[in-house]
Amino acid sequence: MDKSFEEIKEKFINADLDEKIRIYTTSRGLTVEQFKELLAYFPIKHLDKLEEAVNRV
């Protein structure tokens, strides 16, 4: 994985819920695998909020 994804992942892991959603919906150029990896650090009980945000983009 390249350094920029590692930086994004680190920010994502340490972010609050709203920031996680912002990072996930505004990150460009990531692979499907990288998006899946970020999802592993997303609180599953709030997936509906992430889905809502993704559908708005």
Protein backbone atom coordinates (compact mmCIF):
# COMPACT_ATOMS: atom_id res chain seq x y z
CA MET A 1 0.00 0.00 0.00
CA ASP A 2 1.25 3.45 -0.73
CA LYS A 3 1.99 6.07 1.88
CA SER A 4 -1.01 8.26 1.09
CA PHE A 5 -3.45 5.42 1.76
CA GLU A 6 -1.68 4.65 5.03
CA GLU A 7 -2.09 8.31 6.01
CA ILE A 8 -5.78 8.24 5.08
CA LYS A 9 -6.27 5.01 7.02
CA GLU A 10 -4.54 6.41 10.12
CA LYS A 11 -6.72 9.54 10.04
CA PHE A 12 -9.80 7.39 9.50
CA ILE A 13 -9.01 5.11 12.44
CA ASN A 14 -8.57 8.08 14.79
CA ALA A 15 -11.51 10.14 13.50
CA ASP A 16 -14.91 10.57 15.10
CA LEU A 17 -17.98 9.28 13.27
CA ASP A 18 -18.68 12.43 11.23
CA GLU A 19 -15.04 12.71 10.18
CA LYS A 20 -14.94 9.02 9.20
CA ILE A 21 -17.94 9.63 6.95
CA ARG A 22 -16.30 12.73 5.44
CA ILE A 23 -13.03 10.90 4.78
CA TYR A 24 -14.82 7.90 3.27
CA THR A 25 -17.01 9.98 0.95
CA THR A 26 -14.33 12.44 -0.18
CA SER A 27 -11.31 10.17 -0.68
CA ARG A 28 -10.57 9.73 -4.37
CA GLY A 29 -8.41 7.22 -6.19
CA LEU A 30 -8.74 4.40 -3.67
CA THR A 31 -9.22 0.84 -4.80
CA VAL A 32 -12.20 -1.28 -3.81
CA GLU A 33 -9.89 -3.19 -1.47
CA GLN A 34 -8.76 0.02 0.21
CA PHE A 35 -12.37 1.16 0.73
CA LYS A 36 -13.14 -2.27 2.21
CA GLU A 37 -10.18 -1.91 4.54
CA LEU A 38 -11.50 1.43 5.78
CA LEU A 39 -14.90 -0.16 6.40
CA ALA A 40 -13.24 -2.57 8.82
CA TYR A 41 -12.64 0.45 11.09
CA PHE A 42 -16.16 1.88 10.76
CA PRO A 43 -18.62 1.26 13.61
CA ILE A 44 -21.07 -1.25 12.16
CA LYS A 45 -24.03 0.16 14.10
CA HIS A 46 -23.71 3.39 12.09
CA LEU A 47 -23.46 1.88 8.61
CA ASP A 48 -26.85 3.39 7.76
CA LYS A 49 -25.38 6.90 8.21
CA LEU A 50 -22.47 6.04 5.92
CA GLU A 51 -24.81 4.58 3.32
CA GLU A 52 -26.93 7.72 3.42
CA ALA A 53 -23.86 9.92 2.92
CA VAL A 54 -22.52 7.78 0.06
CA ASN A 55 -25.88 7.96 -1.71
CA ARG A 56 -25.82 11.77 -1.49
CA VAL A 57 -22.42 12.04 -3.20
